[in-house]
């Protein structure tokens, strides 16, 4: 799926950044360049070393959703921040203002197989509580605007409360979905605390 490719791309970014760590620079796939990484050796000496214990993913809207999925699949992401990123799928009926699952499988063609669950979204194989639990206990920032047109704020809040852990921070704003100065500043402040 297109969404799967986006998650793969986020993980490829982690591959590249891992090659910039002290230990990564010594890894064969980073220093000799496999078929899929031929440019890494030429770049390694020109780029600063990265602290591998501080690799964070962040995104807004679809990018936030991708960041959550990539972090769930890849432990190298030591923290993740997602802004206006999701609404629970199993209760995202077509009658909802969000357009239901249809916006993911038809309108944006991101996850075509979700179309199998359009009439009965309760059958979706996983949902955000499971996804978030797979990120736990890593630091996670979820910014959930109350007027996000693609989300049901009440259900997003309930989902987050159901899986809450010490390093999960939820920020709310009575705004539509946006990634403006306030949100960017909030992300920077959160990252500085890590």
Foldseek 3Di string as FASTA:
>chain_A
DQLVVLLVVVVVVVLLLCCLAPVNVVDCCQCVPDPVGNCRNVCNVVDHRDDQLQAAQEDEACSLQSRLQSLLVDVSHLEYEYEQHDAWQQPQACVDLLNHCCCCCPVVNPDVVCVVCRVGSNPPPDTDLVSVLSNPPGAYEYEHEPAASNYPRVRVVVSCVVNPDDRYHYHYHPDYGDCDPVNVVVVVVSSVVD
